[in-house]
């Protein structure tokens, strides 16, 4: 199992921070992320439409 630790400095809305970190993880990850399961605490920043669409676009599954 690969772990992709990421960080993103706060530069705007709190909802944008997780998306920046997700983009960093995707760009640092391997090419095929279809087997990746992303675990989050389901806070509002992680349940945004844009965030979830980006996970789907990258082929990443959410944990439940």
C-alpha atoms as a PDB file:
ATOM      1  CA  UNK A   1       0.000   0.000   0.000  1.00  0.00           C
ATOM      2  CA  UNK A   2       1.374   3.385  -0.977  1.00  0.00           C
ATOM      3  CA  UNK A   3       0.948   6.371   1.304  1.00  0.00           C
ATOM      4  CA  UNK A   4       1.050   9.779  -0.325  1.00  0.00           C
ATOM      5  CA  UNK A   5       1.524  12.363   2.415  1.00  0.00           C
ATOM      6  CA  UNK A   6       0.740  15.869   1.257  1.00  0.00           C
ATOM      7  CA  UNK A   7       0.476  19.360   2.600  1.00  0.00           C
ATOM      8  CA  UNK A   8      -0.759  22.655   1.257  1.00  0.00           C
ATOM      9  CA  UNK A   9      -0.279  26.055   2.870  1.00  0.00           C
ATOM     10  CA  UNK A  10      -3.473  27.967   3.638  1.00  0.00           C
ATOM     11  CA  UNK A  11      -3.963  30.585   0.939  1.00  0.00           C
ATOM     12  CA  UNK A  12      -7.690  31.069   0.728  1.00  0.00           C
ATOM     13  CA  UNK A  13     -10.971  29.454   1.642  1.00  0.00           C
ATOM     14  CA  UNK A  14     -10.748  26.455   4.000  1.00  0.00           C
ATOM     15  CA  UNK A  15     -12.634  24.351   1.457  1.00  0.00           C
ATOM     16  CA  UNK A  16      -9.854  24.940  -1.084  1.00  0.00           C
ATOM     17  CA  UNK A  17      -7.116  23.540   1.155  1.00  0.00           C
ATOM     18  CA  UNK A  18      -8.129  19.851   0.894  1.00  0.00           C
ATOM     19  CA  UNK A  19      -8.527  20.218  -2.870  1.00  0.00           C
ATOM     20  CA  UNK A  20      -4.993  21.634  -3.128  1.00  0.00           C
ATOM     21  CA  UNK A  21      -3.648  18.715  -1.087  1.00  0.00           C
ATOM     22  CA  UNK A  22      -5.604  16.248  -3.247  1.00  0.00           C
ATOM     23  CA  UNK A  23      -4.185  17.786  -6.431  1.00  0.00           C
ATOM     24  CA  UNK A  24      -0.683  17.502  -4.955  1.00  0.00           C
ATOM     25  CA  UNK A  25      -1.242  13.824  -4.087  1.00  0.00           C
ATOM     26  CA  UNK A  26      -2.571  13.081  -7.560  1.00  0.00           C
ATOM     27  CA  UNK A  27       0.374  14.786  -9.250  1.00  0.00           C
ATOM     28  CA  UNK A  28       2.874  12.999  -6.964  1.00  0.00           C
ATOM     29  CA  UNK A  29       1.190   9.603  -7.279  1.00  0.00           C
ATOM     30  CA  UNK A  30       1.595   6.884  -9.828  1.00  0.00           C
ATOM     31  CA  UNK A  31      -0.174   7.200 -13.169  1.00  0.00           C
ATOM     32  CA  UNK A  32      -2.987   4.731 -12.412  1.00  0.00           C
ATOM     33  CA  UNK A  33      -4.826   5.605  -9.193  1.00  0.00           C
ATOM     34  CA  UNK A  34      -7.854   3.372  -9.782  1.00  0.00           C
ATOM     35  CA  UNK A  35      -7.019   1.078  -6.838  1.00  0.00           C
ATOM     36  CA  UNK A  36      -6.510   3.945  -4.417  1.00  0.00           C
ATOM     37  CA  UNK A  37      -8.965   4.313  -1.536  1.00  0.00           C
ATOM     38  CA  UNK A  38      -9.098   7.787  -0.042  1.00  0.00           C
ATOM     39  CA  UNK A  39     -10.042   7.998   3.631  1.00  0.00           C
ATOM     40  CA  UNK A  40     -11.449  11.264   5.002  1.00  0.00           C
ATOM     41  CA  UNK A  41     -13.507  12.236   8.017  1.00  0.00           C
ATOM     42  CA  UNK A  42     -16.403  13.386   5.783  1.00  0.00           C
ATOM     43  CA  UNK A  43     -16.244  16.965   7.034  1.00  0.00           C
ATOM     44  CA  UNK A  44     -17.862  19.583   4.820  1.00  0.00           C
ATOM     45  CA  UNK A  45     -14.628  20.405   3.004  1.00  0.00           C
ATOM     46  CA  UNK A  46     -14.307  16.760   1.924  1.00  0.00           C
ATOM     47  CA  UNK A  47     -17.915  16.383   0.807  1.00  0.00           C
ATOM     48  CA  UNK A  48     -17.915  19.312  -1.597  1.00  0.00           C
ATOM     49  CA  UNK A  49     -19.085  18.603  -5.126  1.00  0.00           C
ATOM     50  CA  UNK A  50     -15.815  19.815  -6.648  1.00  0.00           C
ATOM     51  CA  UNK A  51     -13.699  17.646  -4.307  1.00  0.00           C
ATOM     52  CA  UNK A  52     -15.741  14.510  -4.935  1.00  0.00           C
ATOM     53  CA  UNK A  53     -15.772  15.101  -8.683  1.00  0.00           C
ATOM     54  CA  UNK A  54     -11.971  15.393  -8.676  1.00  0.00           C
ATOM     55  CA  UNK A  55     -11.723  12.039  -6.856  1.00  0.00           C
ATOM     56  CA  UNK A  56     -13.980  10.445  -9.473  1.00  0.00           C
ATOM     57  CA  UNK A  57     -12.043  12.023 -12.345  1.00  0.00           C
ATOM     58  CA  UNK A  58      -8.827  10.514 -10.966  1.00  0.00           C
ATOM     59  CA  UNK A  59     -10.448   7.095 -10.453  1.00  0.00           C
ATOM     60  CA  UNK A  60     -10.048   7.267  -6.676  1.00  0.00           C
ATOM     61  CA  UNK A  61     -12.609   5.589  -4.420  1.00  0.00           C
ATOM     62  CA  UNK A  62     -13.738   7.091  -1.115  1.00  0.00           C
ATOM     63  CA  UNK A  63     -13.820   5.054   2.052  1.00  0.00           C
ATOM     64  CA  UNK A  64     -17.191   4.844   3.725  1.00  0.00           C
END
